[in-house]
C-alpha atoms as a PDB file:
ATOM      1  CA  MET A   1      -4.241  -5.379   5.171  1.00  0.00           C
ATOM      2  CA  ILE A   2      -3.311  -1.796   4.400  1.00  0.00           C
ATOM      3  CA  VAL A   3      -5.467   1.174   5.339  1.00  0.00           C
ATOM      4  CA  PHE A   4      -5.138   4.524   3.558  1.00  0.00           C
ATOM      5  CA  THR A   5      -6.463   7.590   5.328  1.00  0.00           C
ATOM      6  CA  THR A   6      -6.336  10.589   2.992  1.00  0.00           C
ATOM      7  CA  GLU A   7      -8.295  13.780   2.422  1.00  0.00           C
ATOM      8  CA  ARG A   8     -10.601  11.816   0.123  1.00  0.00           C
ATOM      9  CA  TYR A   9     -10.863   8.827   2.465  1.00  0.00           C
ATOM     10  CA  LYS A  10     -10.927  10.680   5.765  1.00  0.00           C
ATOM     11  CA  GLU A  11     -14.357   9.571   7.003  1.00  0.00           C
ATOM     12  CA  ARG A  12     -14.064   5.990   5.724  1.00  0.00           C
ATOM     13  CA  PRO A  13     -10.450   4.925   5.057  1.00  0.00           C
ATOM     14  CA  LEU A  14      -9.633   2.902   1.937  1.00  0.00           C
ATOM     15  CA  VAL A  15      -8.849  -0.679   2.967  1.00  0.00           C
ATOM     16  CA  VAL A  16      -6.834  -3.010   0.734  1.00  0.00           C
ATOM     17  CA  ARG A  17      -6.625  -6.611   1.848  1.00  0.00           C
ATOM     18  CA  GLY A  18      -5.918 -10.015   0.477  1.00  0.00           C
ATOM     19  CA  PRO A  19      -3.931 -13.159   1.052  1.00  0.00           C
ATOM     20  CA  GLY A  20      -0.376 -12.685   2.213  1.00  0.00           C
ATOM     21  CA  ALA A  21       2.659 -14.719   3.126  1.00  0.00           C
ATOM     22  CA  GLY A  22       3.054 -13.238   6.579  1.00  0.00           C
ATOM     23  CA  ALA A  23       3.572  -9.686   7.764  1.00  0.00           C
ATOM     24  CA  ALA A  24       7.252  -9.311   6.819  1.00  0.00           C
ATOM     25  CA  VAL A  25       6.904 -10.749   3.299  1.00  0.00           C
ATOM     26  CA  THR A  26       3.718  -8.787   2.606  1.00  0.00           C
ATOM     27  CA  ALA A  27       5.304  -5.553   3.874  1.00  0.00           C
ATOM     28  CA  ALA A  28       8.341  -6.122   1.648  1.00  0.00           C
ATOM     29  CA  GLY A  29       6.079  -6.664  -1.360  1.00  0.00           C
ATOM     30  CA  VAL A  30       4.067  -3.528  -0.657  1.00  0.00           C
ATOM     31  CA  PHE A  31       7.264  -1.523  -0.168  1.00  0.00           C
ATOM     32  CA  ALA A  32       8.643  -2.783  -3.482  1.00  0.00           C
ATOM     33  CA  GLU A  33       5.447  -1.691  -5.250  1.00  0.00           C
ATOM     34  CA  VAL A  34       5.582   1.759  -3.631  1.00  0.00           C
ATOM     35  CA  VAL A  35       9.206   2.163  -4.758  1.00  0.00           C
ATOM     36  CA  ARG A  36       8.249   1.075  -8.292  1.00  0.00           C
ATOM     37  CA  ILE A  37       5.376   3.571  -8.413  1.00  0.00           C
ATOM     38  CA  GLY A  38       7.687   6.296  -7.085  1.00  0.00           C
ATOM     39  CA  SER A  39      10.279   5.622  -9.766  1.00  0.00           C
ATOM     40  CA  TYR A  40       7.567   5.607 -12.428  1.00  0.00           C
ATOM     41  CA  LEU A  41       6.236   8.980 -11.234  1.00  0.00           C
ATOM     42  CA  GLY A  42       9.759  10.394 -11.024  1.00  0.00           C
ATOM     43  CA  ASN A  43      10.435   9.855 -14.743  1.00  0.00           C
END
C-alpha cells in the first residue's frame, strides 16, 4: 500500500493498494515505475 499526501490530498490522502509479492519486491516495482515516469517527464 502506498499513501500519497499532497496539497490536493491533504485532508484525505490518496491510497493505492493491491496484491504484492512482499515489501521489498513491491517497493522495487514502485521505484522502477517512478524512475520510468521521471524519465518520460524529462524528455
